[in-house]
Amino acid sequence: MRLVPWVLFAALLGACLPSWSQQNSVKRKIIIDQDAAGPAGTDQQSMLLLIQSPQTEVLGITVVTGDAWLKEEVAHTLRMLELIGRTDIPVVPGAEYPLVRRRDATEMWELQFGMIPWLGAWTPRRYHPADQLGEMPEGLPTTKPASEDAAHFLIEMVHKYPHEVSIYEGGPMTNLALAISIDPESAGLAKELVFMGASLNPATDDPEFVNAPRHEFNLWFDPEAAHIVLLAPWKRIVCTTVDISVKTRLRQQLIDEIKSGSSPAARYIGTYAHLRGQYNYLWDELAAAAWIDPSLITKTDRRYLDVDLDRGAGYGDTLSWSENDKPKIVGPPVEIQVDLDTQKLYRMFVGLLKAPTPKQ
């Protein structure tokens, strides 16, 4: 038997296997589940980061009521995609209400336990009926959302691409909980869950958290959904908490830097982004950016998470345990982001939003 010369063997091997550059060019699949208030703001800006990343394939955007009502969030998202030329990405409407929590019951809760600063779509100063759009300064969309519902879309995608799809969760977890309730295997078929939510012990003078350090809107708005999701058998969970989010700031300088760009995303942000009060954190943007480039995170911890479902003062608050004191019934461990390279985040934030829109 003749030995194949090494050069010929190497050539044959190279023909059979993709090059490193080809392997690295394979895009990472992700579904964005978001309470997509707009225009601009943390919800739309986090979606833009994921869309603008050349290494990301956004399979779809599933929308849930949270920071605003579902109908207006869908409209803002459709219009954003029109303005940046990415109408190929499906927008899939999801849950309009939490599983259990209701506005009138929350108002009664506040009378007993104190006011909640941010109620999302229910916030009194911004409230309007769920079937109204509210203000649309960017104009009404001409494209339409998908006819499928978010829960079934999520199930369909993880079955179509088993162990390949990352789920990015930037809002309340109602859509994910419905998907898991319909198909308990769906969580285990995803590659991972990455979410912005939970609050442990943030170092801040922000009045929203000083007296309620375990309160965080995304988990609080639909605590029963969060409980279902956090106990599901995900292969990996990564969490961007309030604790790390409050270490970031959206400054006018960042908006001005993006505004100097000529890309569709830069024009969108330059036109509609604005600072909202004293505290302007890059909430969802950090979760999205850290998924794109995990090296942004310089320190992590490992906890087990759940949500307080008692109807008392702590209803909706974050519960957490270490390996040594976790309860018998608990979900998979969660990788908690603790610290970050803020300057690297800001450079990435500006760079991606100023970059040309990736090809469809």
Protein backbone atom coordinates (compact mmCIF):
# COMPACT_ATOMS: atom_id res chain seq x y z
CA MET A 1 0.00 0.00 0.00
CA ARG A 2 1.45 3.31 -1.07
CA LEU A 3 1.45 6.14 1.44
CA VAL A 4 -0.24 9.28 0.23
CA PRO A 5 2.31 12.11 0.22
CA TRP A 6 1.68 14.62 3.01
CA VAL A 7 1.12 17.52 0.63
CA LEU A 8 -1.51 15.59 -1.28
CA PHE A 9 -3.14 14.44 1.97
CA ALA A 10 -3.31 18.02 3.23
CA ALA A 11 -4.88 19.15 -0.03
CA LEU A 12 -7.48 16.40 0.14
CA LEU A 13 -8.25 17.26 3.76
CA GLY A 14 -8.63 20.92 2.92
CA ALA A 15 -11.09 20.10 0.17
CA CYS A 16 -13.24 18.10 2.57
CA LEU A 17 -13.32 20.54 5.49
CA PRO A 18 -14.33 24.21 5.50
CA SER A 19 -11.57 26.71 6.13
CA TRP A 20 -11.29 28.49 9.47
CA SER A 21 -12.55 31.66 7.84
CA GLN A 22 -15.57 29.81 6.49
CA GLN A 23 -16.28 28.27 9.87
CA ASN A 24 -16.03 31.64 11.59
CA SER A 25 -18.34 33.20 9.00
CA VAL A 26 -21.24 30.96 10.05
CA LYS A 27 -23.79 33.25 11.67
CA ARG A 28 -25.18 32.57 15.14
CA LYS A 29 -28.93 32.08 15.13
CA ILE A 30 -31.01 34.09 17.58
CA ILE A 31 -34.64 34.91 18.29
CA ILE A 32 -35.29 38.30 19.87
CA ASP A 33 -38.15 38.25 22.40
CA GLN A 34 -38.75 41.85 23.40
CA ASP A 35 -41.20 44.35 24.84
CA ALA A 36 -40.41 46.61 21.96
CA ALA A 37 -41.35 50.13 23.06
CA GLY A 38 -40.17 52.86 20.72
CA PRO A 39 -39.02 54.65 18.79
CA ALA A 40 -35.39 54.15 19.87
CA GLY A 41 -34.94 53.55 23.61
CA THR A 42 -33.38 50.50 25.20
CA ASP A 43 -35.77 48.01 23.59
CA GLN A 44 -35.31 49.09 19.98
CA GLN A 45 -31.60 49.84 20.45
CA SER A 46 -30.86 46.36 21.77
CA MET A 47 -32.64 44.83 18.78
CA LEU A 48 -30.63 47.06 16.46
CA LEU A 49 -27.35 45.87 17.98
CA LEU A 50 -28.28 42.25 17.28
CA ILE A 51 -29.47 43.06 13.76
CA GLN A 52 -26.40 45.18 12.98
CA SER A 53 -23.95 42.49 14.09
CA PRO A 54 -22.50 40.76 11.00
CA GLN A 55 -22.17 37.50 12.96
CA THR A 56 -25.86 37.29 13.86
CA GLU A 57 -28.80 35.73 12.03
CA VAL A 58 -32.01 37.07 13.54
CA LEU A 59 -34.65 34.43 12.85
CA GLY A 60 -37.46 36.64 14.09
CA ILE A 61 -38.61 39.19 16.65
CA THR A 62 -41.35 37.99 18.99
CA VAL A 63 -43.10 40.82 20.81
CA VAL A 64 -44.70 40.91 24.27
CA THR A 65 -46.47 43.60 26.28
CA GLY A 66 -44.17 45.14 28.87
CA ASP A 67 -42.71 48.62 28.57
CA ALA A 68 -45.64 49.39 26.25
CA TRP A 69 -48.70 47.62 24.85
CA LEU A 70 -48.23 44.83 22.33
CA LYS A 71 -49.96 46.57 19.42
CA GLU A 72 -47.83 49.72 19.57
CA GLU A 73 -44.64 47.70 20.16
CA VAL A 74 -45.31 45.68 17.01
CA ALA A 75 -45.88 48.90 15.05
CA HIS A 76 -42.66 50.50 16.33
CA THR A 77 -40.68 47.36 15.45
CA LEU A 78 -42.12 47.05 11.95
CA ARG A 79 -41.37 50.71 11.30
CA MET A 80 -37.81 50.42 12.64
CA LEU A 81 -37.15 47.49 10.31
CA GLU A 82 -38.56 49.49 7.40
CA LEU A 83 -36.30 52.44 8.15
CA ILE A 84 -33.14 50.31 8.26
CA GLY A 85 -34.10 48.13 5.28
CA ARG A 86 -34.52 44.81 7.12
CA THR A 87 -38.14 43.92 6.49
CA ASP A 88 -36.99 40.34 5.82
CA ILE A 89 -37.00 39.76 9.60
CA PRO A 90 -40.44 38.51 10.71
CA VAL A 91 -42.18 40.35 13.54
CA VAL A 92 -44.40 37.95 15.48
CA PRO A 93 -47.01 39.25 17.96
CA GLY A 94 -47.21 37.47 21.29
CA ALA A 95 -48.94 37.93 24.64
CA GLU A 96 -50.90 41.12 25.26
CA TYR A 97 -51.33 40.48 29.00
CA PRO A 98 -49.37 38.70 31.74
CA LEU A 99 -50.46 35.20 32.72
CA VAL A 100 -51.97 36.25 36.07
CA ARG A 101 -51.11 39.83 37.08
CA ARG A 102 -53.69 42.48 36.22
CA ARG A 103 -53.62 46.27 36.34
CA ASP A 104 -56.50 46.71 38.81
CA ALA A 105 -55.04 44.15 41.22
CA THR A 106 -51.66 45.90 40.97
CA GLU A 107 -53.29 49.22 41.87
CA MET A 108 -54.77 47.57 44.96
CA TRP A 109 -51.36 46.09 45.81
CA GLU A 110 -49.80 49.57 45.62
CA LEU A 111 -52.33 50.94 48.12
CA GLN A 112 -51.13 48.37 50.66
CA PHE A 113 -47.40 48.06 49.91
CA GLY A 114 -46.39 51.29 48.18
CA MET A 115 -46.03 52.78 44.72
CA ILE A 116 -44.09 51.07 41.93
CA PRO A 117 -42.16 53.72 39.91
CA TRP A 118 -42.38 51.89 36.58
CA LEU A 119 -45.45 49.88 35.54
CA GLY A 120 -44.66 49.66 31.84
CA ALA A 121 -47.82 49.82 29.74
CA TRP A 122 -49.82 50.50 32.91
CA THR A 123 -47.78 53.55 34.02
CA PRO A 124 -50.45 56.23 34.71
CA ARG A 125 -48.71 59.15 33.00
CA ARG A 126 -48.34 57.13 29.78
CA TYR A 127 -51.43 54.95 29.93
CA HIS A 128 -53.77 54.43 26.98
CA PRO A 129 -56.02 51.51 25.98
CA ALA A 130 -54.29 48.41 24.61
CA ASP A 131 -55.89 48.71 21.17
CA GLN A 132 -54.47 52.20 20.54
CA LEU A 133 -51.00 52.90 19.13
CA GLY A 134 -50.14 56.06 20.99
CA GLU A 135 -47.62 58.40 19.41
CA MET A 136 -45.74 57.19 16.32
CA PRO A 137 -43.31 60.04 15.49
CA GLU A 138 -41.42 57.81 13.06
CA GLY A 139 -44.58 57.21 11.03
CA LEU A 140 -46.90 54.25 10.65
CA PRO A 141 -45.52 51.02 9.18
CA THR A 142 -46.73 49.73 5.83
CA THR A 143 -45.53 46.17 6.41
CA LYS A 144 -47.53 43.65 8.41
CA PRO A 145 -46.62 41.32 11.27
CA ALA A 146 -46.58 37.56 10.88
CA SER A 147 -49.91 35.77 11.25
CA GLU A 148 -48.36 33.16 13.57
CA ASP A 149 -48.27 33.71 17.33
CA ALA A 150 -45.00 34.12 19.22
CA ALA A 151 -45.20 30.93 21.32
CA HIS A 152 -45.66 28.66 18.30
CA PHE A 153 -42.98 30.52 16.35
CA LEU A 154 -40.49 29.93 19.18
CA ILE A 155 -41.38 26.24 19.28
CA GLU A 156 -41.13 25.92 15.50
CA MET A 157 -37.68 27.50 15.34
CA VAL A 158 -36.04 25.43 18.09
CA HIS A 159 -37.39 22.26 16.47
CA LYS A 160 -36.17 23.37 13.06
CA TYR A 161 -32.68 24.22 14.39
CA PRO A 162 -32.21 22.05 17.51
CA HIS A 163 -29.48 23.28 19.88
CA GLU A 164 -28.55 26.11 17.49
CA VAL A 165 -30.92 28.93 18.48
CA SER A 166 -30.13 31.39 21.26
CA ILE A 167 -33.18 33.03 22.82
CA TYR A 168 -32.60 36.67 23.75
CA GLU A 169 -35.19 37.88 26.26
CA GLY A 170 -35.39 41.63 26.81
CA GLY A 171 -38.83 41.88 28.36
CA PRO A 172 -41.37 39.97 30.45
CA MET A 173 -41.19 36.20 29.90
CA THR A 174 -44.84 35.57 28.95
CA ASN A 175 -44.14 34.36 25.40
CA LEU A 176 -41.45 31.95 26.60
CA ALA A 177 -43.69 30.61 29.37
CA LEU A 178 -46.49 29.95 26.91
CA ALA A 179 -44.11 28.16 24.54
CA ILE A 180 -42.78 25.97 27.38
CA SER A 181 -46.32 25.23 28.57
CA ILE A 182 -47.35 24.12 25.08
CA ASP A 183 -44.13 22.19 24.44
CA PRO A 184 -42.08 21.41 27.57
CA GLU A 185 -39.21 20.17 25.37
CA SER A 186 -38.75 23.54 23.68
CA ALA A 187 -36.44 25.04 26.33
CA GLY A 188 -34.06 22.07 26.13
CA LEU A 189 -33.96 22.31 22.35
CA ALA A 190 -32.67 25.90 22.45
CA LYS A 191 -28.94 26.56 22.60
CA GLU A 192 -29.29 28.98 25.51
CA LEU A 193 -31.40 31.65 27.14
CA VAL A 194 -29.90 35.13 27.49
CA PHE A 195 -32.03 37.63 29.38
CA MET A 196 -32.04 41.06 30.94
CA GLY A 197 -33.80 40.81 34.26
CA ALA A 198 -33.56 40.13 38.00
CA SER A 199 -32.10 42.35 40.70
CA LEU A 200 -29.92 41.16 43.58
CA ASN A 201 -28.20 44.00 45.45
CA PRO A 202 -27.48 46.89 43.07
CA ALA A 203 -25.07 49.60 44.27
CA THR A 204 -27.06 52.68 43.26
CA ASP A 205 -28.85 55.77 44.52
CA ASP A 206 -31.63 55.25 41.97
CA PRO A 207 -34.87 55.56 43.98
CA GLU A 208 -36.42 52.69 42.02
CA PHE A 209 -34.01 50.24 43.69
CA VAL A 210 -32.81 51.86 46.93
CA ASN A 211 -35.83 50.65 48.91
CA ALA A 212 -36.61 47.64 46.72
CA PRO A 213 -33.30 46.08 45.64
CA ARG A 214 -34.94 42.79 44.59
CA HIS A 215 -37.55 44.46 42.36
CA GLU A 216 -36.93 44.36 38.60
CA PHE A 217 -39.61 45.14 36.01
CA ASN A 218 -39.18 42.28 33.52
CA LEU A 219 -39.60 39.57 36.18
CA TRP A 220 -42.10 41.60 38.23
CA PHE A 221 -44.55 42.30 35.38
CA ASP A 222 -45.26 38.60 34.86
CA PRO A 223 -43.79 36.69 37.82
CA GLU A 224 -45.68 33.46 37.07
CA ALA A 225 -44.19 33.41 33.57
CA ALA A 226 -40.69 34.06 34.94
CA HIS A 227 -41.13 31.18 37.40
CA ILE A 228 -42.03 28.79 34.57
CA VAL A 229 -39.08 29.92 32.45
CA LEU A 230 -36.44 29.88 35.19
CA LEU A 231 -37.37 26.33 36.20
CA ALA A 232 -37.34 25.00 32.62
CA PRO A 233 -34.48 22.69 31.52
CA TRP A 234 -32.36 25.17 29.55
CA LYS A 235 -28.87 23.99 28.65
CA ARG A 236 -27.47 27.41 29.58
CA ILE A 237 -28.86 30.63 31.07
CA VAL A 238 -27.04 33.98 31.10
CA CYS A 239 -28.49 36.91 33.04
CA THR A 240 -27.85 40.66 32.83
CA THR A 241 -29.14 41.97 36.17
CA VAL A 242 -29.99 45.44 37.40
CA ASP A 243 -26.75 45.24 39.42
CA ILE A 244 -24.53 45.34 36.33
CA SER A 245 -26.86 47.43 34.19
CA VAL A 246 -26.66 50.42 36.55
CA LYS A 247 -22.91 50.54 35.92
CA THR A 248 -23.67 51.79 32.39
CA ARG A 249 -24.97 55.13 31.10
CA LEU A 250 -26.40 56.31 27.83
CA ARG A 251 -24.81 59.76 27.53
CA GLN A 252 -25.60 62.47 25.02
CA GLN A 253 -22.03 62.07 23.74
CA LEU A 254 -22.80 58.51 22.62
CA ILE A 255 -25.97 59.63 20.86
CA ASP A 256 -24.05 62.43 19.11
CA GLU A 257 -21.32 60.02 17.99
CA ILE A 258 -23.91 57.70 16.48
CA LYS A 259 -25.73 60.66 14.95
CA SER A 260 -22.56 61.58 13.04
CA GLY A 261 -22.84 58.31 11.10
CA SER A 262 -24.66 57.87 7.80
CA SER A 263 -26.03 54.33 8.16
CA PRO A 264 -29.82 53.81 8.36
CA ALA A 265 -29.44 52.67 11.98
CA ALA A 266 -27.41 55.78 12.84
CA ARG A 267 -30.03 58.03 11.25
CA TYR A 268 -32.78 56.27 13.19
CA ILE A 269 -30.97 56.65 16.51
CA GLY A 270 -29.89 60.20 15.71
CA THR A 271 -33.48 61.18 15.00
CA TYR A 272 -35.36 59.40 17.77
CA ALA A 273 -32.97 58.60 20.65
CA HIS A 274 -33.13 60.92 23.63
CA LEU A 275 -32.19 60.84 27.28
CA ARG A 276 -34.96 59.96 29.70
CA GLY A 277 -34.39 61.61 33.07
CA GLN A 278 -31.36 61.33 35.33
CA TYR A 279 -30.84 57.60 34.99
CA ASN A 280 -30.20 56.35 31.47
CA TYR A 281 -28.90 52.81 31.65
CA LEU A 282 -28.04 50.58 28.73
CA TRP A 283 -30.34 47.87 30.10
CA ASP A 284 -31.10 45.62 27.18
CA GLU A 285 -28.24 46.92 25.07
CA LEU A 286 -25.74 45.39 27.51
CA ALA A 287 -27.45 42.00 27.41
CA ALA A 288 -27.43 42.03 23.60
CA ALA A 289 -23.86 43.32 23.28
CA ALA A 290 -22.50 40.79 25.79
CA TRP A 291 -24.11 37.98 23.80
CA ILE A 292 -22.39 39.25 20.66
CA ASP A 293 -19.04 39.69 22.44
CA PRO A 294 -18.81 37.90 25.81
CA SER A 295 -15.40 39.50 26.47
CA LEU A 296 -17.32 42.65 27.51
CA ILE A 297 -18.05 40.87 30.78
CA THR A 298 -15.07 40.78 33.14
CA LYS A 299 -16.60 38.96 36.11
CA THR A 300 -19.45 36.48 36.57
CA ASP A 301 -21.12 34.58 39.38
CA ARG A 302 -23.30 31.47 39.51
CA ARG A 303 -26.72 31.56 41.15
CA TYR A 304 -30.05 29.78 41.07
CA LEU A 305 -32.96 32.13 40.43
CA ASP A 306 -36.70 32.18 40.93
CA VAL A 307 -39.43 34.74 41.61
CA ASP A 308 -41.52 35.38 44.73
CA LEU A 309 -45.08 34.28 43.90
CA ASP A 310 -46.60 35.10 47.30
CA ARG A 311 -49.07 37.94 46.96
CA GLY A 312 -47.44 39.94 49.72
CA ALA A 313 -44.98 42.83 49.67
CA GLY A 314 -42.36 40.80 47.79
CA TYR A 315 -44.63 39.58 44.97
CA GLY A 316 -42.53 39.51 41.80
CA ASP A 317 -39.19 40.08 43.54
CA THR A 318 -36.08 38.13 42.56
CA LEU A 319 -35.13 35.09 44.66
CA SER A 320 -31.58 33.74 44.47
CA TRP A 321 -29.46 31.01 46.03
CA SER A 322 -25.93 29.68 45.88
CA GLU A 323 -25.06 26.03 45.28
CA ASN A 324 -24.98 25.38 49.02
CA ASP A 325 -28.35 26.79 50.01
CA LYS A 326 -30.55 26.20 46.96
CA PRO A 327 -33.99 24.61 47.52
CA LYS A 328 -34.89 21.12 46.37
CA ILE A 329 -37.02 22.37 43.48
CA VAL A 330 -34.93 24.75 41.39
CA GLY A 331 -34.05 25.36 37.78
CA PRO A 332 -30.63 25.19 36.11
CA PRO A 333 -27.81 27.42 37.36
CA VAL A 334 -27.69 30.94 35.95
CA GLU A 335 -24.52 32.72 34.86
CA ILE A 336 -24.86 36.15 36.48
CA GLN A 337 -22.89 38.99 34.90
CA VAL A 338 -21.20 40.96 37.67
CA ASP A 339 -18.80 43.45 36.06
CA LEU A 340 -17.90 44.75 32.61
CA ASP A 341 -15.55 46.81 30.48
CA THR A 342 -17.78 49.86 30.08
CA GLN A 343 -15.58 51.67 27.57
CA LYS A 344 -15.49 48.61 25.35
CA LEU A 345 -19.29 48.44 25.53
CA TYR A 346 -19.63 52.09 24.54
CA ARG A 347 -17.24 51.64 21.59
CA MET A 348 -19.19 48.60 20.43
CA PHE A 349 -22.53 50.36 20.89
CA VAL A 350 -21.45 53.29 18.72
CA GLY A 351 -19.57 51.18 16.19
CA LEU A 352 -22.40 48.74 15.44
CA LEU A 353 -25.05 51.44 15.13
CA LYS A 354 -22.86 53.51 12.79
CA ALA A 355 -22.00 50.49 10.63
CA PRO A 356 -23.73 49.72 7.32
CA THR A 357 -26.78 47.48 7.56
CA PRO A 358 -25.71 43.85 7.03
CA LYS A 359 -26.99 42.20 3.89
CA GLN A 360 -30.21 40.24 4.12
